[in-house]
Structures are given as structure tokens and as C-alpha cells.
PDB file of N, CA and C in Angstrom:
ATOM      1  N   UNK A   1     -38.416 136.050 -20.033  1.00  0.00           N
ATOM      2  CA  UNK A   1     -37.421 136.904 -19.953  1.00  0.00           C
ATOM      3  C   UNK A   1     -36.067 136.269 -19.613  1.00  0.00           C
ATOM      4  N   UNK A   2     -35.797 135.509 -19.769  1.00  0.00           N
ATOM      5  CA  UNK A   2     -34.313 135.418 -20.019  1.00  0.00           C
ATOM      6  C   UNK A   2     -34.043 134.920 -21.974  1.00  0.00           C
ATOM      7  N   UNK A   3     -35.027 134.621 -21.929  1.00  0.00           N
ATOM      8  CA  UNK A   3     -35.261 134.355 -23.592  1.00  0.00           C
ATOM      9  C   UNK A   3     -35.314 135.718 -24.479  1.00  0.00           C
ATOM     10  N   UNK A   4     -35.098 136.938 -23.911  1.00  0.00           N
ATOM     11  CA  UNK A   4     -35.893 137.984 -24.625  1.00  0.00           C
ATOM     12  C   UNK A   4     -34.706 138.637 -24.387  1.00  0.00           C
ATOM     13  N   UNK A   5     -33.797 138.464 -23.448  1.00  0.00           N
ATOM     14  CA  UNK A   5     -32.162 138.601 -23.405  1.00  0.00           C
ATOM     15  C   UNK A   5     -31.582 138.582 -24.727  1.00  0.00           C
ATOM     16  N   UNK A   6     -31.004 140.281 -25.134  1.00  0.00           N
ATOM     17  CA  UNK A   6     -30.160 140.294 -26.480  1.00  0.00           C
ATOM     18  C   UNK A   6     -29.296 138.600 -26.505  1.00  0.00           C
ATOM     19  N   UNK A   7     -28.744 137.994 -27.478  1.00  0.00           N
ATOM     20  CA  UNK A   7     -27.430 137.660 -28.052  1.00  0.00           C
ATOM     21  C   UNK A   7     -26.046 138.029 -28.148  1.00  0.00           C
ATOM     22  N   UNK A   8     -25.217 137.504 -26.768  1.00  0.00           N
ATOM     23  CA  UNK A   8     -23.781 138.501 -26.385  1.00  0.00           C
ATOM     24  C   UNK A   8     -23.392 137.866 -28.550  1.00  0.00           C
ATOM     25  N   UNK A   9     -22.060 138.916 -28.670  1.00  0.00           N
ATOM     26  CA  UNK A   9     -21.487 138.255 -29.985  1.00  0.00           C
ATOM     27  C   UNK A   9     -20.553 136.824 -29.552  1.00  0.00           C
ATOM     28  N   UNK A  10     -19.670 136.555 -30.311  1.00  0.00           N
ATOM     29  CA  UNK A  10     -18.868 135.052 -30.984  1.00  0.00           C
ATOM     30  C   UNK A  10     -17.600 136.285 -29.815  1.00  0.00           C
ATOM     31  N   UNK A  11     -17.164 137.322 -30.112  1.00  0.00           N
ATOM     32  CA  UNK A  11     -16.561 137.616 -29.445  1.00  0.00           C
ATOM     33  C   UNK A  11     -15.815 137.523 -28.069  1.00  0.00           C
ATOM     34  N   UNK A  12     -17.548 138.375 -27.793  1.00  0.00           N
ATOM     35  CA  UNK A  12     -17.533 138.357 -25.826  1.00  0.00           C
ATOM     36  C   UNK A  12     -17.061 137.057 -25.746  1.00  0.00           C
ATOM     37  N   UNK A  13     -16.615 137.369 -24.429  1.00  0.00           N
ATOM     38  CA  UNK A  13     -16.277 136.367 -23.204  1.00  0.00           C
ATOM     39  C   UNK A  13     -17.705 135.826 -22.643  1.00  0.00           C
ATOM     40  N   UNK A  14     -17.595 134.916 -22.648  1.00  0.00           N
ATOM     41  CA  UNK A  14     -18.968 133.598 -21.919  1.00  0.00           C
ATOM     42  C   UNK A  14     -19.430 134.400 -20.548  1.00  0.00           C
ATOM     43  N   UNK A  15     -17.857 134.232 -19.656  1.00  0.00           N
ATOM     44  CA  UNK A  15     -18.191 134.767 -18.105  1.00  0.00           C
ATOM     45  C   UNK A  15     -18.052 135.723 -17.616  1.00  0.00           C
ATOM     46  N   UNK A  16     -17.616 136.669 -18.723  1.00  0.00           N
ATOM     47  CA  UNK A  16     -18.093 138.391 -18.605  1.00  0.00           C
ATOM     48  C   UNK A  16     -19.299 139.314 -18.874  1.00  0.00           C
ATOM     49  N   UNK A  17     -19.908 138.673 -19.977  1.00  0.00           N
ATOM     50  CA  UNK A  17     -21.013 138.485 -20.003  1.00  0.00           C
ATOM     51  C   UNK A  17     -22.283 137.414 -19.106  1.00  0.00           C
ATOM     52  N   UNK A  18     -21.974 137.291 -18.011  1.00  0.00           N
ATOM     53  CA  UNK A  18     -23.280 136.515 -16.879  1.00  0.00           C
ATOM     54  C   UNK A  18     -22.684 136.957 -15.676  1.00  0.00           C
ATOM     55  N   UNK A  19     -20.845 137.847 -15.604  1.00  0.00           N
ATOM     56  CA  UNK A  19     -21.045 138.857 -15.203  1.00  0.00           C
ATOM     57  C   UNK A  19     -22.246 140.308 -14.624  1.00  0.00           C
ATOM     58  N   UNK A  20     -21.819 140.173 -15.814  1.00  0.00           N
ATOM     59  CA  UNK A  20     -23.116 140.956 -15.988  1.00  0.00           C
ATOM     60  C   UNK A  20     -24.528 141.019 -15.976  1.00  0.00           C
ATOM     61  N   UNK A  21     -24.732 139.677 -16.095  1.00  0.00           N
ATOM     62  CA  UNK A  21     -26.539 139.206 -15.972  1.00  0.00           C
ATOM     63  C   UNK A  21     -25.881 139.024 -14.921  1.00  0.00           C
ATOM     64  N   UNK A  22     -25.586 138.392 -13.502  1.00  0.00           N
ATOM     65  CA  UNK A  22     -25.520 137.873 -12.859  1.00  0.00           C
ATOM     66  C   UNK A  22     -26.907 138.825 -11.533  1.00  0.00           C
ATOM     67  N   UNK A  23     -26.987 139.656 -11.990  1.00  0.00           N
ATOM     68  CA  UNK A  23     -28.147 140.367 -10.692  1.00  0.00           C
ATOM     69  C   UNK A  23     -29.860 139.796 -11.729  1.00  0.00           C
ATOM     70  N   UNK A  24     -30.121 140.222 -13.093  1.00  0.00           N
ATOM     71  CA  UNK A  24     -31.319 139.266 -13.222  1.00  0.00           C
ATOM     72  C   UNK A  24     -31.766 138.050 -13.085  1.00  0.00           C
ATOM     73  N   UNK A  25     -30.304 136.813 -13.714  1.00  0.00           N
ATOM     74  CA  UNK A  25     -30.646 135.574 -13.290  1.00  0.00           C
ATOM     75  C   UNK A  25     -29.653 134.899 -12.689  1.00  0.00           C
ATOM     76  N   UNK A  26     -29.680 134.941 -11.129  1.00  0.00           N
ATOM     77  CA  UNK A  26     -28.707 134.904 -10.348  1.00  0.00           C
ATOM     78  C   UNK A  26     -28.537 133.085 -10.632  1.00  0.00           C
ATOM     79  N   UNK A  27     -29.599 132.703 -10.094  1.00  0.00           N
ATOM     80  CA  UNK A  27     -29.789 131.133 -10.690  1.00  0.00           C
ATOM     81  C   UNK A  27     -29.189 130.228 -11.958  1.00  0.00           C
ATOM     82  N   UNK A  28     -30.003 130.833 -13.308  1.00  0.00           N
ATOM     83  CA  UNK A  28     -29.180 130.829 -14.259  1.00  0.00           C
ATOM     84  C   UNK A  28     -27.692 131.036 -14.161  1.00  0.00           C
ATOM     85  N   UNK A  29     -27.028 132.079 -13.473  1.00  0.00           N
ATOM     86  CA  UNK A  29     -25.086 132.444 -13.678  1.00  0.00           C
ATOM     87  C   UNK A  29     -24.880 131.859 -12.724  1.00  0.00           C
ATOM     88  N   UNK A  30     -25.039 130.883 -12.010  1.00  0.00           N
ATOM     89  CA  UNK A  30     -24.659 129.457 -11.649  1.00  0.00           C
ATOM     90  C   UNK A  30     -24.355 129.044 -12.276  1.00  0.00           C
ATOM     91  N   UNK A  31     -25.528 127.615 -12.878  1.00  0.00           N
ATOM     92  CA  UNK A  31     -25.211 127.315 -13.550  1.00  0.00           C
ATOM     93  C   UNK A  31     -24.099 127.502 -14.932  1.00  0.00           C
ATOM     94  N   UNK A  32     -23.990 128.686 -15.339  1.00  0.00           N
ATOM     95  CA  UNK A  32     -23.108 129.557 -16.631  1.00  0.00           C
ATOM     96  C   UNK A  32     -21.507 128.627 -16.014  1.00  0.00           C
ATOM     97  N   UNK A  33     -21.622 128.922 -14.841  1.00  0.00           N
ATOM     98  CA  UNK A  33     -20.355 129.122 -14.723  1.00  0.00           C
ATOM     99  C   UNK A  33     -19.878 128.503 -13.910  1.00  0.00           C
ATOM    100  N   UNK A  34     -20.786 126.894 -13.835  1.00  0.00           N
ATOM    101  CA  UNK A  34     -20.187 125.506 -13.370  1.00  0.00           C
ATOM    102  C   UNK A  34     -19.815 124.593 -14.798  1.00  0.00           C
ATOM    103  N   UNK A  35     -20.932 125.647 -16.566  1.00  0.00           N
ATOM    104  CA  UNK A  35     -20.518 124.601 -17.716  1.00  0.00           C
ATOM    105  C   UNK A  35     -19.688 125.275 -18.235  1.00  0.00           C
ATOM    106  N   UNK A  36     -20.002 126.204 -17.644  1.00  0.00           N
ATOM    107  CA  UNK A  36     -18.502 127.269 -18.941  1.00  0.00           C
ATOM    108  C   UNK A  36     -17.367 127.613 -18.339  1.00  0.00           C
ATOM    109  N   UNK A  37     -17.385 127.449 -17.570  1.00  0.00           N
ATOM    110  CA  UNK A  37     -15.252 127.194 -16.595  1.00  0.00           C
ATOM    111  C   UNK A  37     -14.622 125.891 -17.055  1.00  0.00           C
ATOM    112  N   UNK A  38     -15.497 124.906 -17.848  1.00  0.00           N
ATOM    113  CA  UNK A  38     -14.308 123.736 -17.761  1.00  0.00           C
ATOM    114  C   UNK A  38     -13.013 123.289 -18.769  1.00  0.00           C
ATOM    115  N   UNK A  39     -12.635 122.581 -18.564  1.00  0.00           N
ATOM    116  CA  UNK A  39     -11.256 123.296 -18.751  1.00  0.00           C
ATOM    117  C   UNK A  39     -11.070 122.515 -20.939  1.00  0.00           C
ATOM    118  N   UNK A  40     -11.279 124.106 -21.669  1.00  0.00           N
ATOM    119  CA  UNK A  40     -10.689 123.476 -22.793  1.00  0.00           C
ATOM    120  C   UNK A  40      -9.399 123.185 -23.625  1.00  0.00           C
ATOM    121  N   UNK A  41      -9.014 121.452 -23.017  1.00  0.00           N
ATOM    122  CA  UNK A  41      -7.873 121.230 -23.609  1.00  0.00           C
ATOM    123  C   UNK A  41      -8.847 119.971 -23.555  1.00  0.00           C
ATOM    124  N   UNK A  42      -7.690 119.005 -25.104  1.00  0.00           N
ATOM    125  CA  UNK A  42      -8.053 117.394 -24.383  1.00  0.00           C
ATOM    126  C   UNK A  42      -6.797 116.588 -23.936  1.00  0.00           C
ATOM    127  N   UNK A  43      -5.709 117.642 -23.971  1.00  0.00           N
ATOM    128  CA  UNK A  43      -4.758 116.771 -23.353  1.00  0.00           C
ATOM    129  C   UNK A  43      -5.084 116.621 -22.477  1.00  0.00           C
ATOM    130  N   UNK A  44      -4.966 116.823 -20.291  1.00  0.00           N
ATOM    131  CA  UNK A  44      -4.988 115.207 -19.539  1.00  0.00           C
ATOM    132  C   UNK A  44      -5.714 114.073 -20.030  1.00  0.00           C
ATOM    133  N   UNK A  45      -7.601 114.746 -21.187  1.00  0.00           N
ATOM    134  CA  UNK A  45      -7.644 112.990 -21.566  1.00  0.00           C
ATOM    135  C   UNK A  45      -6.810 112.560 -22.414  1.00  0.00           C
ATOM    136  N   UNK A  46      -6.661 112.641 -22.991  1.00  0.00           N
ATOM    137  CA  UNK A  46      -6.267 112.028 -24.353  1.00  0.00           C
ATOM    138  C   UNK A  46      -4.955 111.550 -23.373  1.00  0.00           C
ATOM    139  N   UNK A  47      -4.289 112.125 -22.012  1.00  0.00           N
ATOM    140  CA  UNK A  47      -3.247 111.193 -21.005  1.00  0.00           C
ATOM    141  C   UNK A  47      -3.630 110.261 -19.974  1.00  0.00           C
ATOM    142  N   UNK A  48      -4.905 110.830 -20.231  1.00  0.00           N
ATOM    143  CA  UNK A  48      -5.545 109.271 -19.493  1.00  0.00           C
ATOM    144  C   UNK A  48      -5.572 107.692 -20.381  1.00  0.00           C
ATOM    145  N   UNK A  49      -5.960 108.550 -21.979  1.00  0.00           N
ATOM    146  CA  UNK A  49      -6.377 107.068 -22.516  1.00  0.00           C
ATOM    147  C   UNK A  49      -4.957 106.309 -23.064  1.00  0.00           C
ATOM    148  N   UNK A  50      -3.550 107.676 -23.367  1.00  0.00           N
ATOM    149  CA  UNK A  50      -2.411 107.108 -23.081  1.00  0.00           C
ATOM    150  C   UNK A  50      -1.602 105.651 -22.408  1.00  0.00           C
ATOM    151  N   UNK A  51      -2.072 106.315 -20.789  1.00  0.00           N
ATOM    152  CA  UNK A  51      -2.090 105.425 -20.261  1.00  0.00           C
ATOM    153  C   UNK A  51      -2.170 104.485 -20.138  1.00  0.00           C
ATOM    154  N   UNK A  52      -4.200 104.101 -20.102  1.00  0.00           N
ATOM    155  CA  UNK A  52      -4.341 102.822 -20.154  1.00  0.00           C
ATOM    156  C   UNK A  52      -3.903 101.971 -21.163  1.00  0.00           C
ATOM    157  N   UNK A  53      -3.371 102.097 -22.390  1.00  0.00           N
ATOM    158  CA  UNK A  53      -3.494 101.582 -24.292  1.00  0.00           C
ATOM    159  C   UNK A  53      -1.529 101.161 -23.934  1.00  0.00           C
ATOM    160  N   UNK A  54      -0.457 101.946 -23.061  1.00  0.00           N
ATOM    161  CA  UNK A  54       0.529 101.617 -22.821  1.00  0.00           C
ATOM    162  C   UNK A  54       0.755 100.518 -22.986  1.00  0.00           C
ATOM    163  N   UNK A  55      -0.148  99.007 -21.734  1.00  0.00           N
ATOM    164  CA  UNK A  55       0.490  98.329 -21.554  1.00  0.00           C
ATOM    165  C   UNK A  55      -0.059  97.127 -22.368  1.00  0.00           C
ATOM    166  N   UNK A  56      -0.964  98.177 -23.461  1.00  0.00           N
ATOM    167  CA  UNK A  56      -1.047  96.634 -24.531  1.00  0.00           C
ATOM    168  C   UNK A  56      -0.660  97.083 -25.765  1.00  0.00           C
ATOM    169  N   UNK A  57       0.055  97.620 -26.214  1.00  0.00           N
ATOM    170  CA  UNK A  57       0.382  98.133 -27.517  1.00  0.00           C
ATOM    171  C   UNK A  57       1.443  97.458 -27.789  1.00  0.00           C
ATOM    172  N   UNK A  58       1.460  96.781 -28.916  1.00  0.00           N
ATOM    173  CA  UNK A  58       2.426  96.139 -29.344  1.00  0.00           C
ATOM    174  C   UNK A  58       3.670  97.321 -30.483  1.00  0.00           C
ATOM    175  N   UNK A  59       2.651  97.799 -31.215  1.00  0.00           N
ATOM    176  CA  UNK A  59       4.042  98.796 -31.880  1.00  0.00           C
ATOM    177  C   UNK A  59       3.295 100.073 -31.586  1.00  0.00           C
ATOM    178  N   UNK A  60       4.436 100.953 -31.323  1.00  0.00           N
ATOM    179  CA  UNK A  60       4.197 102.333 -32.194  1.00  0.00           C
ATOM    180  C   UNK A  60       4.591 103.043 -32.770  1.00  0.00           C
ATOM    181  N   UNK A  61       3.575 103.425 -33.115  1.00  0.00           N
ATOM    182  CA  UNK A  61       4.378 104.718 -34.779  1.00  0.00           C
ATOM    183  C   UNK A  61       4.530 106.281 -34.209  1.00  0.00           C
ATOM    184  N   UNK A  62       5.236 105.633 -34.836  1.00  0.00           N
ATOM    185  CA  UNK A  62       5.308 107.818 -34.788  1.00  0.00           C
ATOM    186  C   UNK A  62       4.852 108.610 -35.123  1.00  0.00           C
ATOM    187  N   UNK A  63       5.260 110.295 -35.343  1.00  0.00           N
ATOM    188  CA  UNK A  63       4.259 110.960 -36.177  1.00  0.00           C
ATOM    189  C   UNK A  63       4.898 111.112 -38.033  1.00  0.00           C
ATOM    190  N   UNK A  64       5.632 110.351 -38.164  1.00  0.00           N
ATOM    191  CA  UNK A  64       5.842 110.045 -39.606  1.00  0.00           C
ATOM    192  C   UNK A  64       5.174 109.009 -40.167  1.00  0.00           C
ATOM    193  N   UNK A  65       4.833 107.907 -39.227  1.00  0.00           N
ATOM    194  CA  UNK A  65       4.670 106.930 -39.806  1.00  0.00           C
ATOM    195  C   UNK A  65       4.616 105.644 -39.840  1.00  0.00           C
ATOM    196  N   UNK A  66       6.240 105.673 -39.609  1.00  0.00           N
ATOM    197  CA  UNK A  66       6.663 104.081 -39.073  1.00  0.00           C
ATOM    198  C   UNK A  66       6.434 103.223 -38.442  1.00  0.00           C
ATOM    199  N   UNK A  67       6.283 102.439 -38.176  1.00  0.00           N
ATOM    200  CA  UNK A  67       5.779 101.794 -36.548  1.00  0.00           C
ATOM    201  C   UNK A  67       7.641 100.820 -36.090  1.00  0.00           C
ATOM    202  N   UNK A  68       7.139 100.622 -34.704  1.00  0.00           N
ATOM    203  CA  UNK A  68       8.475 100.039 -34.104  1.00  0.00           C
ATOM    204  C   UNK A  68       8.161  99.588 -33.179  1.00  0.00           C
ATOM    205  N   UNK A  69       8.418  98.557 -32.874  1.00  0.00           N
ATOM    206  CA  UNK A  69       8.556  97.314 -31.762  1.00  0.00           C
ATOM    207  C   UNK A  69       8.243  97.578 -31.002  1.00  0.00           C
ATOM    208  N   UNK A  70       8.162  97.477 -30.007  1.00  0.00           N
ATOM    209  CA  UNK A  70       8.447  97.337 -28.311  1.00  0.00           C
ATOM    210  C   UNK A  70       9.490  96.262 -27.225  1.00  0.00           C
TER     211      UNK A  70
END
């Protein structure tokens, strides 16, 4: 039954689409909320790896490509 449901447009917010489908597919709705509500940015993970890499870096490169010694 779920596979025969029409596909939403790419311009449609998936969370809004799932609010409309909630009465028909409550279990899949819960999964959709779990996986569609993730953070959509790489900033938190980049910050984590920067903190880990900092003690081991001997040189830093600025945005222009110039190298600097610590």
C-alpha cells in the first residue's frame, strides 16, 4: 500500500508530507521523523575533527594557501 502512494515533489518539505501520511502509515511516520530530522550541516562534525587534529598539526594553511608554523 505504501509503495503505491504518489511520490512528493522535490520542492515539498518531507516533514509536512509525512504529517499528511501519518494516519495511513503511523509506524513509517515515526521512522521518517527519526531519520528526516537530523542536523543538515557538517559544522558540528567538522568542529569535532578540528579539535582532534589541532595537537598533531605542525603547520596550518590559511585560505590563500600560505603555510604557517605553530
